[in-house]
Amino acid sequence: MTYGWARWFVAVALITGVLPSAHALDDDEGPHQRAVKVVAKQQLTVKTPAGGGSLPLYTSADWTKPLPDITKAVIVFHGRLRDADVYFRSAQTALSAAGKAGSGTLLIVPQFLTPADVAAHKLPDATLRWEPTGWMGGEPAVGPAGLSSFDAIDAIVAHLADRSLFPNLKQIVIAGHSGGGQVVQRYAVVGQGEAALRRGSIHVRYVVANPSSYAYFTADRPKADGTLAPFAAASCAGFNRWKYGMDARPTYAAKRSPQDLEKDYVHRDVIYLIGDKDTNPKHPALDKSCEAEAQGPHRFARGHAYFNYIKSRHKSGFHQHIYDIPGVGHSGSKMLTSACGLVALFGTGKCS
């Protein structure tokens, strides 16, 4: 696909307005550079051979003590604005809307901070921080140690796998919107935490909502007619570099071959949530790099193109699902609290 292709596609696409929301500018070039207004008070210590650090997060109960009544954990990741407090409130609203299906649920909303956040709030040196967009692709933290954001997710999952704390946990849902949807989709591809959960008979679901891009396993990309073909690299040399493809993956993601990663990914429980109004190719929060545009002109097109790509490569034994959220644009709160959002997060209600 070339830029000419993208302009042609945009010319014939139905362009609709984007509903304003608290998350409407998750990927904007300006706001995500500024320090966050609120930092979560709770901390999780993350330890790896490369070093350690502390990750701020919100939880709906004190998860440092045994919680025998908890049967499900829902982890929700914020977008580029790193407004974990806003996403925690949205998750609480969704939990309330789930009714009885939400009983026994622990909510967890981590916060991936930047150096600007740490400086503005005078946080301890042990606080983990990343470049403003680096955490979405699993890049190493810039301090206090070079931990991947995927290492941080592994630490959350490992804490939940502790049967002395969660003796009756049966399911974990790992969900994210916009920038959070990007980190969740990549973690579903390369994450190492699920293996320990399977040994403990804990099921994992990944909910990927309105990300700007996806990690492809091959050099194929969508054409204007919806078919897939090898991409013309001359028009965008980095189209297949991580986080858009499998080339030049960071250390955490480079331990296994693309073939093995894809083999595992297609058997994972993944639900893609796409707002059917998230169709603006000029949206200020949209990734407009040539690498992202190689996947389609806007989030709605990119989500369906990726789902069709995966499905076309695995015609049997494929059980992932994609749900269009009617009337919703780039809004994290509306995505999480939609009928399909409640199905994905809590298994309640109906989604058509």
Protein backbone atom coordinates (compact mmCIF):
# COMPACT_ATOMS: atom_id res chain seq x y z
CA MET A 1 0.00 0.00 0.00
CA THR A 2 1.23 3.49 -0.80
CA TYR A 3 0.23 6.93 0.35
CA GLY A 4 -1.68 7.26 -2.92
CA TRP A 5 -3.67 4.15 -1.95
CA ALA A 6 -4.42 5.65 1.44
CA ARG A 7 -5.64 8.92 -0.09
CA TRP A 8 -7.84 6.99 -2.52
CA PHE A 9 -9.30 4.89 0.28
CA VAL A 10 -9.95 7.99 2.36
CA ALA A 11 -11.67 9.68 -0.58
CA VAL A 12 -14.23 6.90 -0.85
CA ALA A 13 -14.54 6.13 2.88
CA LEU A 14 -17.51 7.32 4.89
CA ILE A 15 -16.14 9.96 7.22
CA THR A 16 -18.16 10.52 10.37
CA GLY A 17 -17.74 12.72 13.41
CA VAL A 18 -15.97 11.47 16.53
CA LEU A 19 -17.83 11.68 19.80
CA PRO A 20 -15.97 13.73 22.42
CA SER A 21 -15.00 11.97 25.62
CA ALA A 22 -12.50 11.98 28.43
CA HIS A 23 -10.34 9.68 26.31
CA ALA A 24 -10.81 11.41 22.96
CA LEU A 25 -7.22 12.63 22.77
CA ASP A 26 -5.42 9.55 24.03
CA ASP A 27 -2.91 9.63 21.18
CA ASP A 28 -2.63 13.37 20.56
CA GLU A 29 0.86 14.74 19.93
CA GLY A 30 0.61 17.42 22.63
CA PRO A 31 -1.24 16.39 25.80
CA HIS A 32 0.57 13.10 26.29
CA GLN A 33 3.86 14.98 26.62
CA ARG A 34 2.62 16.83 29.71
CA ALA A 35 2.74 15.46 33.25
CA VAL A 36 -0.35 13.65 34.47
CA LYS A 37 -2.60 15.36 37.01
CA VAL A 38 -3.04 12.33 39.25
CA VAL A 39 -0.72 9.43 40.15
CA ALA A 40 -2.09 6.22 41.61
CA LYS A 41 -1.16 5.75 45.26
CA GLN A 42 -0.74 1.97 45.30
CA GLN A 43 2.50 0.39 44.15
CA LEU A 44 3.54 -2.98 42.80
CA THR A 45 7.20 -3.98 42.96
CA VAL A 46 8.46 -5.38 39.65
CA LYS A 47 11.62 -7.48 39.80
CA THR A 48 13.58 -8.94 36.87
CA PRO A 49 17.20 -10.00 36.28
CA ALA A 50 17.68 -6.60 34.64
CA GLY A 51 16.66 -4.77 37.80
CA GLY A 52 13.49 -3.62 39.48
CA GLY A 53 11.15 -0.73 40.10
CA SER A 54 7.70 0.18 41.35
CA LEU A 55 4.56 0.48 39.21
CA PRO A 56 1.67 2.71 40.35
CA LEU A 57 -1.81 1.24 40.04
CA TYR A 58 -5.39 1.34 41.24
CA THR A 59 -7.21 -1.68 42.64
CA SER A 60 -10.81 -1.99 43.81
CA ALA A 61 -9.73 -3.95 46.92
CA ASP A 62 -6.56 -4.43 48.95
CA TRP A 63 -4.92 -7.13 46.86
CA THR A 64 -1.98 -7.50 49.25
CA LYS A 65 -4.24 -9.56 51.54
CA PRO A 66 -6.02 -12.85 50.79
CA LEU A 67 -9.21 -12.30 48.75
CA PRO A 68 -11.04 -15.65 48.70
CA ASP A 69 -14.22 -14.08 47.27
CA ILE A 70 -12.48 -12.92 44.10
CA THR A 71 -13.15 -15.19 41.11
CA LYS A 72 -12.31 -12.76 38.29
CA ALA A 73 -9.74 -9.99 37.80
CA VAL A 74 -10.20 -7.30 35.14
CA ILE A 75 -7.06 -5.33 34.26
CA VAL A 76 -7.69 -2.15 32.24
CA PHE A 77 -4.92 -0.15 30.54
CA HIS A 78 -5.13 3.59 29.90
CA GLY A 79 -4.23 5.40 26.69
CA ARG A 80 -1.37 7.79 25.98
CA LEU A 81 -2.67 10.40 28.39
CA ARG A 82 -1.83 7.92 31.17
CA ASP A 83 -5.04 9.03 32.94
CA ALA A 84 -5.39 5.85 34.97
CA ASP A 85 -7.75 7.60 37.40
CA VAL A 86 -10.23 8.26 34.56
CA TYR A 87 -10.00 4.69 33.33
CA PHE A 88 -10.46 3.36 36.85
CA ARG A 89 -13.72 5.30 37.14
CA SER A 90 -14.83 4.01 33.72
CA ALA A 91 -14.03 0.44 34.80
CA GLN A 92 -16.03 0.94 38.00
CA THR A 93 -18.98 2.20 35.95
CA ALA A 94 -18.77 -0.85 33.71
CA LEU A 95 -18.57 -3.14 36.74
CA SER A 96 -21.69 -1.55 38.21
CA ALA A 97 -23.52 -1.93 34.88
CA ALA A 98 -22.60 -5.64 34.82
CA GLY A 99 -24.80 -6.27 37.85
CA LYS A 100 -24.59 -9.76 39.33
CA ALA A 101 -22.12 -10.82 36.62
CA GLY A 102 -19.61 -8.41 38.15
CA SER A 103 -19.73 -9.92 41.61
CA GLY A 104 -16.45 -11.41 42.75
CA THR A 105 -14.47 -9.12 40.41
CA LEU A 106 -11.26 -7.28 41.26
CA LEU A 107 -10.49 -4.23 39.11
CA ILE A 108 -6.86 -3.27 38.43
CA VAL A 109 -5.73 -0.20 36.47
CA PRO A 110 -1.92 0.17 36.15
CA GLN A 111 -0.25 3.47 35.28
CA PHE A 112 2.77 3.72 32.96
CA LEU A 113 4.45 7.00 33.87
CA THR A 114 7.03 9.16 32.08
CA PRO A 115 10.04 11.10 33.41
CA ALA A 116 7.89 14.25 33.30
CA ASP A 117 5.35 12.61 35.61
CA VAL A 118 8.02 11.49 38.08
CA ALA A 119 9.59 14.95 38.16
CA ALA A 120 6.30 16.86 38.45
CA HIS A 121 5.04 14.76 41.35
CA LYS A 122 8.46 14.34 43.01
CA LEU A 123 8.09 10.57 42.99
CA PRO A 124 10.73 8.20 44.42
CA ASP A 125 13.62 7.22 42.17
CA ALA A 126 12.34 3.62 42.24
CA THR A 127 9.24 4.61 40.22
CA LEU A 128 9.22 3.02 36.77
CA ARG A 129 8.94 5.42 33.83
CA TRP A 130 8.96 5.09 30.07
CA GLU A 131 9.13 7.37 27.08
CA PRO A 132 5.62 8.76 26.38
CA THR A 133 4.85 6.12 23.75
CA GLY A 134 7.50 3.47 24.44
CA TRP A 135 5.44 1.45 26.93
CA MET A 136 2.81 0.64 24.30
CA GLY A 137 5.22 -1.57 22.37
CA GLY A 138 7.07 -3.10 25.31
CA GLU A 139 10.13 -0.86 25.03
CA PRO A 140 12.50 -0.76 28.02
CA ALA A 141 11.83 1.76 30.77
CA VAL A 142 14.20 4.73 30.98
CA GLY A 143 14.48 4.27 34.74
CA PRO A 144 15.26 3.02 37.29
CA ALA A 145 16.03 -0.09 35.18
CA GLY A 146 15.41 -1.13 31.60
CA LEU A 147 12.30 -3.18 32.29
CA SER A 148 9.80 -3.77 29.50
CA SER A 149 6.23 -2.71 30.10
CA PHE A 150 5.53 -6.40 29.38
CA ASP A 151 7.66 -7.27 32.43
CA ALA A 152 5.33 -5.06 34.44
CA ILE A 153 2.28 -6.89 33.10
CA ASP A 154 3.98 -10.20 33.92
CA ALA A 155 4.37 -8.98 37.51
CA ILE A 156 0.66 -8.12 37.76
CA VAL A 157 -0.28 -11.53 36.37
CA ALA A 158 2.16 -13.31 38.69
CA HIS A 159 0.65 -11.53 41.70
CA LEU A 160 -2.82 -12.68 40.65
CA ALA A 161 -1.54 -16.25 40.18
CA ASP A 162 -0.59 -16.42 43.88
CA ARG A 163 -3.09 -18.91 45.28
CA SER A 164 -2.36 -17.81 48.84
CA LEU A 165 -3.92 -14.46 47.90
CA PHE A 166 -6.46 -15.55 45.27
CA PRO A 167 -7.43 -19.16 46.04
CA ASN A 168 -10.58 -19.06 43.91
CA LEU A 169 -9.52 -16.94 40.94
CA LYS A 170 -10.79 -18.48 37.69
CA GLN A 171 -10.38 -15.79 35.02
CA ILE A 172 -8.28 -12.74 34.19
CA VAL A 173 -9.37 -10.21 31.57
CA ILE A 174 -6.59 -8.00 30.20
CA ALA A 175 -8.20 -5.04 28.43
CA GLY A 176 -7.08 -1.73 26.97
CA HIS A 177 -8.40 1.12 24.85
CA SER A 178 -6.47 3.19 22.30
CA GLY A 179 -2.83 3.20 23.48
CA GLY A 180 -3.86 0.64 26.09
CA GLY A 181 -5.34 -1.46 23.29
CA GLN A 182 -1.94 -1.39 21.62
CA VAL A 183 -0.06 -2.72 24.65
CA VAL A 184 -2.71 -5.41 25.22
CA GLN A 185 -2.60 -6.62 21.61
CA ARG A 186 1.21 -6.81 21.66
CA TYR A 187 1.20 -8.54 25.04
CA ALA A 188 -1.27 -11.09 23.68
CA VAL A 189 1.35 -11.78 20.99
CA VAL A 190 4.52 -11.99 23.11
CA GLY A 191 3.43 -12.04 26.77
CA GLN A 192 4.91 -14.77 28.96
CA GLY A 193 2.61 -14.52 31.96
CA GLU A 194 -0.20 -16.70 30.65
CA ALA A 195 1.76 -19.95 31.01
CA ALA A 196 1.74 -19.80 34.82
CA LEU A 197 -1.97 -19.02 34.80
CA ARG A 198 -2.76 -22.04 32.65
CA ARG A 199 -0.95 -24.24 35.15
CA GLY A 200 -3.26 -22.84 37.80
CA SER A 201 -6.36 -23.35 35.61
CA ILE A 202 -6.91 -19.60 35.31
CA HIS A 203 -8.35 -18.57 31.95
CA VAL A 204 -7.08 -15.39 30.26
CA ARG A 205 -8.99 -13.16 27.86
CA TYR A 206 -7.56 -10.18 25.99
CA VAL A 207 -9.84 -7.28 25.04
CA VAL A 208 -8.36 -4.96 22.42
CA ALA A 209 -10.35 -1.75 21.89
CA ASN A 210 -9.73 0.88 19.20
CA PRO A 211 -5.92 0.74 18.91
CA SER A 212 -4.18 2.72 16.18
CA SER A 213 -2.23 -0.30 14.95
CA TYR A 214 -1.55 -4.02 15.35
CA ALA A 215 1.45 -6.36 15.24
CA TYR A 216 1.43 -8.32 11.98
CA PHE A 217 3.29 -11.64 11.72
CA THR A 218 4.18 -11.41 8.02
CA ALA A 219 4.82 -8.73 5.38
CA ASP A 220 1.22 -8.91 4.12
CA ARG A 221 -0.93 -5.82 4.45
CA PRO A 222 -4.48 -4.93 3.30
CA LYS A 223 -5.08 -3.56 -0.18
CA ALA A 224 -7.82 -1.13 -1.17
CA ASP A 225 -10.14 -3.96 -2.21
CA GLY A 226 -9.80 -5.66 1.17
CA THR A 227 -7.50 -8.44 0.00
CA LEU A 228 -4.04 -9.04 1.44
CA ALA A 229 -0.73 -8.89 -0.40
CA PRO A 230 2.97 -8.39 0.36
CA PHE A 231 3.55 -4.73 1.10
CA ALA A 232 5.77 -2.63 -1.16
CA ALA A 233 8.53 -1.78 1.30
CA ALA A 234 9.91 0.97 -0.93
CA SER A 235 7.00 3.20 0.10
CA CYS A 236 7.65 2.72 3.84
CA ALA A 237 10.86 0.97 4.77
CA GLY A 238 9.91 0.46 8.42
CA PHE A 239 6.44 -0.96 7.81
CA ASN A 240 7.36 -4.33 9.35
CA ARG A 241 9.40 -3.09 12.29
CA TRP A 242 8.05 -3.73 15.76
CA LYS A 243 5.46 -2.63 16.93
CA TYR A 244 3.84 -2.88 13.49
CA GLY A 245 5.51 -6.14 12.50
CA MET A 246 8.07 -8.69 13.63
CA ASP A 247 11.34 -6.99 12.64
CA ALA A 248 13.64 -5.45 15.27
CA ARG A 249 11.60 -6.57 18.24
CA PRO A 250 12.71 -5.37 21.71
CA THR A 251 14.56 -7.85 23.92
CA TYR A 252 11.47 -9.10 25.74
CA ALA A 253 9.67 -9.81 22.44
CA ALA A 254 12.66 -11.30 20.60
CA LYS A 255 12.92 -14.58 22.48
CA ARG A 256 10.72 -16.62 20.13
CA SER A 257 10.22 -16.81 16.36
CA PRO A 258 7.32 -15.03 14.63
CA GLN A 259 5.97 -18.43 13.61
CA ASP A 260 5.83 -19.67 17.20
CA LEU A 261 4.34 -16.39 18.40
CA GLU A 262 1.58 -16.57 15.80
CA LYS A 263 0.86 -20.21 16.62
CA ASP A 264 0.18 -19.29 20.24
CA TYR A 265 -1.63 -16.04 19.46
CA VAL A 266 -4.35 -17.58 17.31
CA HIS A 267 -5.30 -19.95 20.14
CA ARG A 268 -5.64 -17.15 22.67
CA ASP A 269 -9.02 -15.75 23.70
CA VAL A 270 -8.98 -12.32 22.04
CA ILE A 271 -11.95 -10.01 21.54
CA TYR A 272 -11.52 -6.92 19.37
CA LEU A 273 -13.87 -4.02 20.12
CA ILE A 274 -14.12 -1.44 17.34
CA GLY A 275 -16.24 1.73 17.50
CA ASP A 276 -18.09 1.97 14.22
CA LYS A 277 -17.70 5.77 14.30
CA ASP A 278 -13.92 5.60 14.80
CA THR A 279 -13.48 6.27 11.10
CA ASN A 280 -11.78 9.67 10.91
CA PRO A 281 -8.41 9.41 9.10
CA LYS A 282 -7.53 12.89 10.37
CA HIS A 283 -8.40 12.25 14.00
CA PRO A 284 -5.77 14.04 16.14
CA ALA A 285 -5.27 10.88 18.21
CA LEU A 286 -4.65 8.57 15.24
CA ASP A 287 -1.19 7.19 14.40
CA LYS A 288 -0.57 8.66 10.94
CA SER A 289 2.89 7.19 10.37
CA CYS A 290 3.39 5.31 7.12
CA GLU A 291 3.77 2.12 9.18
CA ALA A 292 0.28 2.59 10.62
CA GLU A 293 -1.24 3.77 7.34
CA ALA A 294 -0.02 0.56 5.73
CA GLN A 295 -2.68 -1.13 7.90
CA GLY A 296 -5.57 1.08 6.74
CA PRO A 297 -6.81 4.68 6.79
CA HIS A 298 -8.43 4.72 10.27
CA ARG A 299 -9.00 2.56 13.34
CA PHE A 300 -12.21 0.94 12.15
CA ALA A 301 -10.62 -0.16 8.88
CA ARG A 302 -7.39 -1.24 10.58
CA GLY A 303 -9.23 -3.38 13.13
CA HIS A 304 -11.27 -5.23 10.54
CA ALA A 305 -8.29 -5.62 8.21
CA TYR A 306 -6.23 -7.21 11.00
CA PHE A 307 -9.03 -9.54 12.08
CA ASN A 308 -9.54 -10.66 8.48
CA TYR A 309 -5.78 -11.15 8.12
CA ILE A 310 -5.57 -13.45 11.16
CA LYS A 311 -8.75 -15.31 10.29
CA SER A 312 -7.66 -15.89 6.68
CA ARG A 313 -4.42 -17.50 7.87
CA HIS A 314 -6.17 -19.85 10.33
CA LYS A 315 -9.38 -21.18 8.85
CA SER A 316 -9.79 -23.89 11.49
CA GLY A 317 -9.40 -23.76 15.25
CA PHE A 318 -9.81 -19.98 15.26
CA HIS A 319 -12.12 -18.63 17.96
CA GLN A 320 -11.28 -14.94 18.26
CA HIS A 321 -14.11 -12.43 17.84
CA ILE A 322 -14.59 -8.86 16.63
CA TYR A 323 -17.50 -6.69 17.78
CA ASP A 324 -18.47 -3.35 16.25
CA ILE A 325 -19.75 -0.90 18.86
CA PRO A 326 -22.60 1.05 17.23
CA GLY A 327 -22.59 4.83 17.46
CA VAL A 328 -19.25 5.06 19.30
CA GLY A 329 -16.11 6.80 18.12
CA HIS A 330 -12.82 7.08 20.00
CA SER A 331 -14.21 6.94 23.55
CA GLY A 332 -12.77 4.61 26.14
CA SER A 333 -15.65 5.05 28.59
CA LYS A 334 -18.31 4.34 25.97
CA MET A 335 -16.44 1.31 24.67
CA LEU A 336 -16.05 -0.26 28.12
CA THR A 337 -19.65 0.37 29.16
CA SER A 338 -21.26 -0.67 25.85
CA ALA A 339 -23.28 -3.87 25.59
CA CYS A 340 -20.41 -5.58 23.77
CA GLY A 341 -17.93 -4.15 26.26
CA LEU A 342 -19.84 -5.76 29.13
CA VAL A 343 -19.92 -9.07 27.25
CA ALA A 344 -16.16 -8.92 26.68
CA LEU A 345 -15.24 -7.85 30.20
CA PHE A 346 -17.82 -9.64 32.34
CA GLY A 347 -19.61 -12.13 30.09
CA THR A 348 -22.98 -10.53 30.70
CA GLY A 349 -25.71 -9.35 28.32
CA LYS A 350 -25.89 -9.73 24.55
CA CYS A 351 -23.75 -8.40 21.75
CA SER A 352 -24.75 -8.53 18.09
